[in-house]
Structures are given as C-alpha cells and as structure tokens.
C-alpha cells in the first residue's frame, strides 16, 4: 500500500508544468498548453528550475542597459557595452541560477531574466549563455552563483 501511495505522489510531482489561462467565448479555463487563439501569450505561471549555462555572459539587474547596448550595436558603436560595463556584472560559466523567469525580445535578441543566489534578478542574452547544461526543480544544497564585476572581482560566489 505504501509503495502505491509513493508512486502516486511521484507521478503527481512529475506532471507539474507551466500553467496557461485561456479565455474562449467568455469562459476561463486553465491548461498546461498555450491556447490556440492565444499562442503567443506568456504562461500564467512558470515552474522555475535551477539551471546551469555552458557559457557566461553579461548580467544586468535592469534590462535598460541591455537595450542601450543593443541600440549601440545596431548603430555600429565601437564600445557598445561601455555603459553596461558600469552597471552590469559578469555571470561566470557553469554556475547555478534560478530561471529562466521571464523572456523579452529586443532588436531580435532574446533576453532572459534569471535569479542569482544573492536573491537579485539579472537579465542575460540567452543565445550567449546557452546551451543549458543542467536543470533541476530542487534547490541545490550549496547554491552560490558566481557573479563578478567586469574587472573580475567577485561579487558573490
């Protein structure tokens, strides 16, 4: 009997996924798949995962510094990250973060919001840090995100 109960509990946890709210002809429903007529809507709730990226990259608390840099890249600036380097951190490769919590696209660049072990959220360029090399729903026992100032000095580890 205990084995059957354990199997049922494990199956119920393995089926957790994103939740979408659909409104069709005035009727609200909730589903694990995007609604047909609202395919581009964000999920109502995303189950966060602890992930590790293969590569590191620029991590900005405020997305505006990414937007400034992307505008400067589009205008062929010699130093597109000059402003971002003052305010953003360097996310080191193979470090654990919580995310991807949110996504935004700006100037054809997909940005993702992640959460570091210090509790702060940062925006990273997803193409620059992927692929994701590991992910789990369980918080690591020893969770420290390796973030550094642009000069290499550790912020948190």
N, C-alpha and C. Protein backbone atom coordinates (compact mmCIF):
# COMPACT_ATOMS: atom_id res chain seq x y z
N UNK A 1 0.82 -1.19 0.00
CA UNK A 1 0.00 0.00 0.00
C UNK A 1 0.87 1.26 0.00
N UNK A 2 1.96 1.26 0.81
CA UNK A 2 2.85 2.42 0.88
C UNK A 2 3.53 2.66 -0.47
N UNK A 3 3.85 1.59 -1.18
CA UNK A 3 4.51 1.72 -2.48
C UNK A 3 3.56 2.38 -3.48
N UNK A 4 2.29 1.99 -3.47
CA UNK A 4 1.31 2.58 -4.38
C UNK A 4 1.16 4.07 -4.08
N UNK A 5 1.08 4.43 -2.81
CA UNK A 5 0.96 5.82 -2.42
C UNK A 5 2.18 6.61 -2.86
N UNK A 6 3.37 6.06 -2.68
CA UNK A 6 4.61 6.71 -3.09
C UNK A 6 4.62 6.92 -4.60
N UNK A 7 4.22 5.93 -5.37
CA UNK A 7 4.17 6.04 -6.84
C UNK A 7 3.21 7.15 -7.24
N UNK A 8 2.05 7.22 -6.63
CA UNK A 8 1.07 8.26 -6.95
C UNK A 8 1.61 9.65 -6.65
N UNK A 9 2.30 9.80 -5.54
CA UNK A 9 2.88 11.10 -5.19
C UNK A 9 3.95 11.49 -6.20
N UNK A 10 4.83 10.57 -6.56
CA UNK A 10 5.88 10.86 -7.53
C UNK A 10 5.32 11.21 -8.89
N UNK A 11 4.30 10.51 -9.33
CA UNK A 11 3.67 10.80 -10.62
C UNK A 11 3.06 12.19 -10.61
N UNK A 12 2.42 12.56 -9.50
CA UNK A 12 1.78 13.89 -9.45
C UNK A 12 2.82 14.99 -9.51
N UNK A 13 4.02 14.81 -8.89
CA UNK A 13 5.06 15.82 -8.96
C UNK A 13 5.71 15.88 -10.33
N UNK A 14 5.78 14.79 -11.03
CA UNK A 14 6.42 14.79 -12.34
C UNK A 14 5.56 15.43 -13.42
N UNK A 15 4.30 15.68 -13.12
CA UNK A 15 3.41 16.27 -14.13
C UNK A 15 3.28 17.78 -13.98
N UNK A 16 4.01 18.40 -13.04
CA UNK A 16 3.96 19.84 -12.88
C UNK A 16 4.55 20.50 -14.12
N UNK A 17 3.85 21.51 -14.65
CA UNK A 17 4.36 22.24 -15.81
C UNK A 17 3.83 23.65 -15.79
N UNK A 18 4.11 24.42 -16.85
CA UNK A 18 3.60 25.78 -16.95
C UNK A 18 2.08 25.75 -16.99
N UNK A 19 1.46 26.82 -16.50
CA UNK A 19 0.01 26.92 -16.49
C UNK A 19 -0.41 28.13 -17.33
N UNK A 20 -1.33 27.92 -18.26
CA UNK A 20 -1.84 28.97 -19.12
C UNK A 20 -3.30 29.23 -18.80
N UNK A 21 -3.68 30.51 -18.82
CA UNK A 21 -5.08 30.87 -18.64
C UNK A 21 -5.66 31.18 -20.01
N UNK A 22 -6.72 30.46 -20.40
CA UNK A 22 -7.36 30.66 -21.69
C UNK A 22 -8.77 31.23 -21.49
N UNK A 23 -9.12 32.20 -22.29
CA UNK A 23 -10.48 32.72 -22.27
C UNK A 23 -11.04 32.51 -23.67
N UNK A 24 -11.97 31.57 -23.78
CA UNK A 24 -12.57 31.23 -25.07
C UNK A 24 -14.08 31.45 -24.95
N UNK A 25 -14.58 32.36 -25.80
CA UNK A 25 -16.00 32.72 -25.79
C UNK A 25 -16.48 33.08 -24.39
N UNK A 26 -15.64 33.84 -23.67
CA UNK A 26 -16.01 34.31 -22.34
C UNK A 26 -15.83 33.32 -21.22
N UNK A 27 -15.39 32.10 -21.52
CA UNK A 27 -15.21 31.07 -20.50
C UNK A 27 -13.71 30.95 -20.19
N UNK A 28 -13.36 31.10 -18.91
CA UNK A 28 -11.97 30.99 -18.48
C UNK A 28 -11.65 29.55 -18.11
N UNK A 29 -10.52 29.06 -18.64
CA UNK A 29 -10.05 27.72 -18.29
C UNK A 29 -8.54 27.78 -18.10
N UNK A 30 -7.98 26.77 -17.44
CA UNK A 30 -6.55 26.68 -17.20
C UNK A 30 -6.04 25.39 -17.82
N UNK A 31 -4.86 25.48 -18.47
CA UNK A 31 -4.31 24.34 -19.18
C UNK A 31 -2.79 24.37 -19.12
N UNK A 32 -2.16 23.24 -19.45
CA UNK A 32 -0.69 23.19 -19.47
C UNK A 32 -0.12 23.51 -20.86
N UNK A 33 -1.00 23.83 -21.82
CA UNK A 33 -0.56 24.17 -23.18
C UNK A 33 -1.12 25.54 -23.56
N UNK A 34 -0.39 26.30 -24.39
CA UNK A 34 -0.91 27.60 -24.82
C UNK A 34 -2.25 27.44 -25.54
N UNK A 35 -3.13 28.40 -25.35
CA UNK A 35 -4.43 28.37 -26.02
C UNK A 35 -4.23 28.58 -27.52
N UNK A 36 -5.07 27.94 -28.33
CA UNK A 36 -4.91 28.03 -29.78
C UNK A 36 -4.96 29.46 -30.28
N UNK A 37 -5.90 30.26 -29.77
CA UNK A 37 -6.03 31.62 -30.25
C UNK A 37 -5.13 32.60 -29.49
N UNK A 38 -4.41 32.12 -28.50
CA UNK A 38 -3.52 32.96 -27.72
C UNK A 38 -2.13 32.33 -27.66
N UNK A 39 -1.66 31.79 -28.77
CA UNK A 39 -0.43 31.01 -28.79
C UNK A 39 0.79 31.80 -28.33
N UNK A 40 0.79 33.13 -28.52
CA UNK A 40 1.95 33.93 -28.14
C UNK A 40 1.86 34.52 -26.74
N UNK A 41 0.81 34.18 -26.00
CA UNK A 41 0.67 34.68 -24.63
C UNK A 41 1.68 33.98 -23.71
N UNK A 42 2.12 34.71 -22.70
CA UNK A 42 3.02 34.13 -21.71
C UNK A 42 2.23 33.21 -20.79
N UNK A 43 2.89 32.20 -20.24
CA UNK A 43 2.20 31.36 -19.26
C UNK A 43 1.80 32.20 -18.05
N UNK A 44 0.71 31.81 -17.41
CA UNK A 44 0.26 32.46 -16.20
C UNK A 44 1.28 32.21 -15.09
N UNK A 45 1.84 31.01 -15.08
CA UNK A 45 2.82 30.64 -14.07
C UNK A 45 3.82 29.68 -14.68
N UNK A 46 5.09 29.93 -14.46
CA UNK A 46 6.15 29.06 -14.95
C UNK A 46 6.84 28.44 -13.73
N UNK A 47 7.00 27.13 -13.75
CA UNK A 47 7.70 26.44 -12.67
C UNK A 47 9.20 26.73 -12.85
N UNK A 48 9.82 27.47 -11.92
CA UNK A 48 11.24 27.78 -12.09
C UNK A 48 12.12 26.55 -11.85
N UNK A 49 13.26 26.53 -12.53
CA UNK A 49 14.22 25.44 -12.38
C UNK A 49 15.58 26.04 -12.08
N UNK A 50 16.37 25.30 -11.34
CA UNK A 50 17.76 25.69 -11.11
C UNK A 50 18.54 25.16 -12.30
N UNK A 51 19.19 26.08 -13.00
CA UNK A 51 19.86 25.71 -14.25
C UNK A 51 21.32 26.16 -14.24
N UNK A 52 22.08 25.52 -15.08
CA UNK A 52 23.47 25.88 -15.31
C UNK A 52 23.64 26.10 -16.81
N UNK A 53 24.24 27.23 -17.17
CA UNK A 53 24.53 27.52 -18.57
C UNK A 53 25.96 27.09 -18.89
N UNK A 54 26.20 26.69 -20.13
CA UNK A 54 27.54 26.30 -20.54
C UNK A 54 28.48 27.51 -20.54
N UNK A 55 27.96 28.65 -20.97
CA UNK A 55 28.79 29.85 -21.12
C UNK A 55 28.36 30.93 -20.13
N UNK A 56 29.24 31.85 -19.84
CA UNK A 56 28.93 33.01 -19.02
C UNK A 56 28.53 34.17 -19.92
N UNK A 57 28.22 35.30 -19.30
CA UNK A 57 27.85 36.46 -20.09
C UNK A 57 27.53 37.65 -19.21
N UNK A 58 27.19 38.75 -19.85
CA UNK A 58 26.83 39.98 -19.15
C UNK A 58 25.48 39.79 -18.48
N UNK A 59 25.38 40.18 -17.21
CA UNK A 59 24.15 40.04 -16.42
C UNK A 59 23.80 41.40 -15.82
N UNK A 60 22.67 41.97 -16.26
CA UNK A 60 22.26 43.31 -15.83
C UNK A 60 21.00 43.24 -14.99
N UNK A 61 21.00 43.91 -13.82
CA UNK A 61 19.81 43.94 -12.99
C UNK A 61 18.67 44.66 -13.71
N UNK A 62 18.99 45.70 -14.46
CA UNK A 62 17.99 46.47 -15.20
C UNK A 62 18.14 46.18 -16.69
N UNK A 63 17.06 45.79 -17.32
CA UNK A 63 17.09 45.44 -18.75
C UNK A 63 17.47 46.64 -19.63
N UNK A 64 17.32 47.85 -19.09
CA UNK A 64 17.61 49.05 -19.91
C UNK A 64 19.07 49.07 -20.38
N UNK A 65 19.99 48.50 -19.60
CA UNK A 65 21.39 48.50 -20.01
C UNK A 65 21.62 47.56 -21.19
N UNK A 66 20.87 46.47 -21.25
CA UNK A 66 20.92 45.61 -22.43
C UNK A 66 20.37 46.35 -23.63
N UNK A 67 19.26 47.06 -23.44
CA UNK A 67 18.65 47.80 -24.56
C UNK A 67 19.58 48.89 -25.07
N UNK A 68 20.25 49.60 -24.18
CA UNK A 68 21.22 50.62 -24.59
C UNK A 68 22.33 49.98 -25.41
N UNK A 69 22.86 48.87 -24.93
CA UNK A 69 23.96 48.18 -25.64
C UNK A 69 23.51 47.67 -27.00
N UNK A 70 22.31 47.11 -27.07
CA UNK A 70 21.80 46.60 -28.36
C UNK A 70 21.55 47.74 -29.35
N UNK A 71 21.10 48.89 -28.85
CA UNK A 71 20.95 50.06 -29.72
C UNK A 71 22.30 50.51 -30.26
N UNK A 72 23.30 50.50 -29.40
CA UNK A 72 24.65 50.91 -29.82
C UNK A 72 25.25 49.91 -30.81
N UNK A 73 24.98 48.63 -30.62
CA UNK A 73 25.44 47.62 -31.58
C UNK A 73 24.80 47.87 -32.94
N UNK A 74 23.50 48.15 -32.93
CA UNK A 74 22.79 48.43 -34.19
C UNK A 74 23.37 49.66 -34.89
N UNK A 75 23.82 50.65 -34.09
CA UNK A 75 24.40 51.87 -34.66
C UNK A 75 25.90 51.75 -34.91
N UNK A 76 26.42 50.52 -34.80
CA UNK A 76 27.82 50.19 -35.09
C UNK A 76 28.80 50.97 -34.21
N UNK A 77 28.46 51.11 -32.93
CA UNK A 77 29.33 51.77 -31.97
C UNK A 77 30.57 50.93 -31.72
N UNK A 78 31.70 51.59 -31.48
CA UNK A 78 32.94 50.88 -31.17
C UNK A 78 32.91 50.28 -29.77
N UNK A 79 32.15 50.88 -28.85
CA UNK A 79 32.10 50.42 -27.46
C UNK A 79 30.64 50.26 -27.01
N UNK A 80 29.94 49.26 -27.55
CA UNK A 80 28.51 49.14 -27.24
C UNK A 80 28.20 48.78 -25.79
N UNK A 81 29.15 48.19 -25.07
CA UNK A 81 28.89 47.78 -23.68
C UNK A 81 29.55 48.72 -22.67
N UNK A 82 30.00 49.88 -23.12
CA UNK A 82 30.67 50.82 -22.22
C UNK A 82 29.76 51.20 -21.05
N UNK A 83 28.50 51.53 -21.32
CA UNK A 83 27.55 51.90 -20.26
C UNK A 83 27.18 50.68 -19.42
N UNK A 84 26.93 49.57 -20.07
CA UNK A 84 26.55 48.34 -19.36
C UNK A 84 27.66 47.88 -18.43
N UNK A 85 28.91 48.04 -18.83
CA UNK A 85 30.03 47.60 -18.00
C UNK A 85 30.08 48.34 -16.66
N UNK A 86 29.51 49.55 -16.60
CA UNK A 86 29.49 50.31 -15.35
C UNK A 86 28.49 49.72 -14.35
N UNK A 87 27.41 49.13 -14.86
CA UNK A 87 26.29 48.72 -14.00
C UNK A 87 26.01 47.21 -13.99
N UNK A 88 26.53 46.50 -14.95
CA UNK A 88 26.22 45.08 -15.07
C UNK A 88 27.36 44.22 -14.52
N UNK A 89 27.05 42.98 -14.28
CA UNK A 89 28.01 42.01 -13.76
C UNK A 89 28.35 41.00 -14.85
N UNK A 90 29.31 40.16 -14.54
CA UNK A 90 29.69 39.07 -15.43
C UNK A 90 29.25 37.76 -14.77
N UNK A 91 28.32 37.07 -15.42
CA UNK A 91 27.88 35.76 -14.95
C UNK A 91 28.88 34.74 -15.47
N UNK A 92 29.50 34.01 -14.55
CA UNK A 92 30.52 33.06 -14.94
C UNK A 92 29.88 31.78 -15.50
N UNK A 93 30.63 31.08 -16.33
CA UNK A 93 30.14 29.84 -16.93
C UNK A 93 29.98 28.76 -15.86
N UNK A 94 29.07 27.83 -16.13
CA UNK A 94 28.82 26.67 -15.26
C UNK A 94 28.48 27.04 -13.82
N UNK A 95 27.69 28.09 -13.64
CA UNK A 95 27.24 28.47 -12.31
C UNK A 95 25.72 28.34 -12.25
N UNK A 96 25.20 28.03 -11.09
CA UNK A 96 23.76 27.74 -10.96
C UNK A 96 22.96 29.03 -10.73
N UNK A 97 21.86 29.15 -11.49
CA UNK A 97 20.91 30.25 -11.33
C UNK A 97 19.51 29.67 -11.31
N UNK A 98 18.56 30.47 -10.86
CA UNK A 98 17.15 30.09 -10.92
C UNK A 98 16.55 30.80 -12.11
N UNK A 99 15.94 30.06 -12.99
CA UNK A 99 15.37 30.72 -14.17
C UNK A 99 15.08 29.71 -15.24
N UNK A 100 14.70 30.12 -16.30
CA UNK A 100 14.51 31.46 -16.82
C UNK A 100 13.13 31.93 -16.36
N UNK A 101 13.09 33.07 -15.65
CA UNK A 101 11.86 33.53 -15.03
C UNK A 101 10.98 34.31 -15.99
N UNK A 102 11.60 34.97 -16.94
CA UNK A 102 10.86 35.78 -17.91
C UNK A 102 11.72 35.95 -19.15
N UNK A 103 11.09 36.14 -20.29
CA UNK A 103 11.82 36.38 -21.53
C UNK A 103 11.29 37.64 -22.19
N UNK A 104 12.19 38.39 -22.82
CA UNK A 104 11.81 39.53 -23.64
C UNK A 104 12.72 39.55 -24.86
N UNK A 105 12.17 39.98 -25.98
CA UNK A 105 12.96 40.12 -27.19
C UNK A 105 13.09 41.60 -27.51
N UNK A 106 14.32 42.03 -27.77
CA UNK A 106 14.58 43.42 -28.13
C UNK A 106 15.61 43.41 -29.26
N UNK A 107 15.29 44.08 -30.36
CA UNK A 107 16.19 44.14 -31.52
C UNK A 107 16.61 42.74 -31.97
N UNK A 108 15.66 41.82 -32.02
CA UNK A 108 15.89 40.43 -32.43
C UNK A 108 16.84 39.66 -31.51
N UNK A 109 17.00 40.13 -30.29
CA UNK A 109 17.84 39.45 -29.31
C UNK A 109 16.96 39.00 -28.15
N UNK A 110 16.99 37.70 -27.84
CA UNK A 110 16.17 37.18 -26.76
C UNK A 110 16.93 37.29 -25.44
N UNK A 111 16.32 38.01 -24.50
CA UNK A 111 16.89 38.21 -23.18
C UNK A 111 16.10 37.41 -22.17
N UNK A 112 16.77 36.87 -21.18
CA UNK A 112 16.10 36.08 -20.15
C UNK A 112 16.43 36.60 -18.77
N UNK A 113 15.43 36.61 -17.90
CA UNK A 113 15.63 37.03 -16.51
C UNK A 113 15.92 35.80 -15.67
N UNK A 114 17.02 35.86 -14.93
CA UNK A 114 17.43 34.77 -14.04
C UNK A 114 17.57 35.32 -12.63
N UNK A 115 17.58 34.44 -11.65
CA UNK A 115 17.76 34.86 -10.26
C UNK A 115 19.03 34.22 -9.74
N UNK A 116 19.88 35.04 -9.12
CA UNK A 116 21.14 34.56 -8.56
C UNK A 116 20.93 34.17 -7.10
N UNK A 117 21.91 33.52 -6.53
CA UNK A 117 21.81 33.07 -5.14
C UNK A 117 21.75 34.22 -4.14
N UNK A 118 22.11 35.44 -4.57
CA UNK A 118 22.01 36.60 -3.69
C UNK A 118 20.59 37.16 -3.64
N UNK A 119 19.66 36.53 -4.37
CA UNK A 119 18.26 36.95 -4.37
C UNK A 119 17.93 37.99 -5.42
N UNK A 120 18.94 38.53 -6.10
CA UNK A 120 18.70 39.55 -7.12
C UNK A 120 18.45 38.89 -8.47
N UNK A 121 17.67 39.59 -9.31
CA UNK A 121 17.42 39.08 -10.66
C UNK A 121 18.29 39.85 -11.65
N UNK A 122 18.67 39.16 -12.71
CA UNK A 122 19.54 39.72 -13.74
C UNK A 122 19.02 39.31 -15.11
N UNK A 123 19.25 40.17 -16.10
CA UNK A 123 18.92 39.88 -17.49
C UNK A 123 20.18 39.44 -18.21
N UNK A 124 20.09 38.34 -18.96
CA UNK A 124 21.20 37.83 -19.76
C UNK A 124 20.73 37.61 -21.19
N UNK A 125 21.66 37.63 -22.12
CA UNK A 125 21.34 37.28 -23.50
C UNK A 125 21.31 35.76 -23.58
N UNK A 126 20.16 35.18 -23.89
CA UNK A 126 20.02 33.72 -23.85
C UNK A 126 20.91 33.02 -24.87
N UNK A 127 21.01 33.55 -26.06
CA UNK A 127 21.85 32.91 -27.08
C UNK A 127 23.32 32.88 -26.65
N UNK A 128 23.72 33.88 -25.90
CA UNK A 128 25.11 33.98 -25.47
C UNK A 128 25.50 33.00 -24.37
N UNK A 129 24.55 32.60 -23.53
CA UNK A 129 24.89 31.73 -22.40
C UNK A 129 24.49 30.28 -22.61
N UNK A 130 23.64 30.01 -23.57
CA UNK A 130 23.17 28.64 -23.79
C UNK A 130 24.20 27.82 -24.53
N UNK A 131 24.16 26.53 -24.44
CA UNK A 131 23.05 25.70 -24.00
C UNK A 131 23.00 25.55 -22.47
N UNK A 132 21.82 25.17 -21.99
CA UNK A 132 21.65 24.82 -20.59
C UNK A 132 22.27 23.45 -20.42
N UNK A 133 23.18 23.31 -19.46
CA UNK A 133 23.88 22.04 -19.28
C UNK A 133 23.30 21.18 -18.17
N UNK A 134 22.51 21.79 -17.26
CA UNK A 134 21.84 21.01 -16.23
C UNK A 134 20.63 21.78 -15.73
N UNK A 135 19.62 21.04 -15.25
CA UNK A 135 18.47 21.68 -14.64
C UNK A 135 17.79 20.73 -13.69
N UNK A 136 17.22 21.32 -12.64
CA UNK A 136 16.52 20.54 -11.63
C UNK A 136 15.49 21.45 -10.95
N UNK A 137 14.42 20.87 -10.44
CA UNK A 137 13.42 21.62 -9.69
C UNK A 137 13.83 21.78 -8.23
N UNK A 138 14.83 21.02 -7.80
CA UNK A 138 15.25 21.06 -6.40
C UNK A 138 16.38 22.07 -6.21
N UNK A 139 16.24 22.88 -5.17
CA UNK A 139 17.28 23.85 -4.85
C UNK A 139 18.54 23.09 -4.44
N UNK A 140 19.69 23.42 -5.05
CA UNK A 140 20.93 22.75 -4.66
C UNK A 140 21.25 23.03 -3.19
N UNK A 141 21.82 22.07 -2.52
CA UNK A 141 22.17 22.23 -1.11
C UNK A 141 23.15 23.40 -0.95
N UNK A 142 24.11 23.46 -1.82
CA UNK A 142 25.12 24.53 -1.78
C UNK A 142 24.93 25.37 -3.04
N UNK A 143 24.08 26.40 -2.95
CA UNK A 143 23.78 27.21 -4.13
C UNK A 143 24.46 28.56 -4.02
N UNK A 144 25.45 28.78 -4.86
CA UNK A 144 26.10 30.08 -4.95
C UNK A 144 26.35 30.38 -6.42
N UNK A 145 25.82 31.51 -6.85
CA UNK A 145 26.01 31.96 -8.22
C UNK A 145 27.31 32.75 -8.30
N UNK A 146 28.13 32.43 -9.28
CA UNK A 146 29.41 33.14 -9.45
C UNK A 146 29.19 34.35 -10.35
N UNK A 147 29.06 35.52 -9.72
CA UNK A 147 28.94 36.80 -10.42
C UNK A 147 30.16 37.63 -10.11
N UNK A 148 30.65 38.34 -11.11
CA UNK A 148 31.83 39.17 -10.90
C UNK A 148 31.64 40.54 -11.53
N UNK A 149 32.39 41.50 -10.99
CA UNK A 149 32.45 42.82 -11.63
C UNK A 149 33.16 42.61 -12.97
N UNK A 150 33.05 43.58 -13.85
CA UNK A 150 33.67 43.45 -15.17
C UNK A 150 35.19 43.35 -15.07
N UNK A 151 35.78 43.81 -13.96
CA UNK A 151 37.23 43.70 -13.78
C UNK A 151 37.66 42.34 -13.22
N UNK A 152 36.68 41.44 -12.98
CA UNK A 152 36.99 40.10 -12.50
C UNK A 152 36.80 39.91 -11.01
N UNK A 153 36.61 41.02 -10.25
CA UNK A 153 36.42 40.93 -8.79
C UNK A 153 35.10 40.24 -8.48
N UNK A 154 35.12 39.29 -7.56
CA UNK A 154 33.92 38.53 -7.21
C UNK A 154 32.89 39.39 -6.49
N UNK A 155 31.64 39.25 -6.92
CA UNK A 155 30.52 39.91 -6.26
C UNK A 155 29.93 38.92 -5.27
N UNK A 156 29.51 37.78 -5.78
CA UNK A 156 29.06 36.65 -4.97
C UNK A 156 29.57 35.40 -5.64
N UNK A 157 29.62 34.35 -4.89
CA UNK A 157 30.12 33.10 -5.46
C UNK A 157 29.22 31.97 -5.09
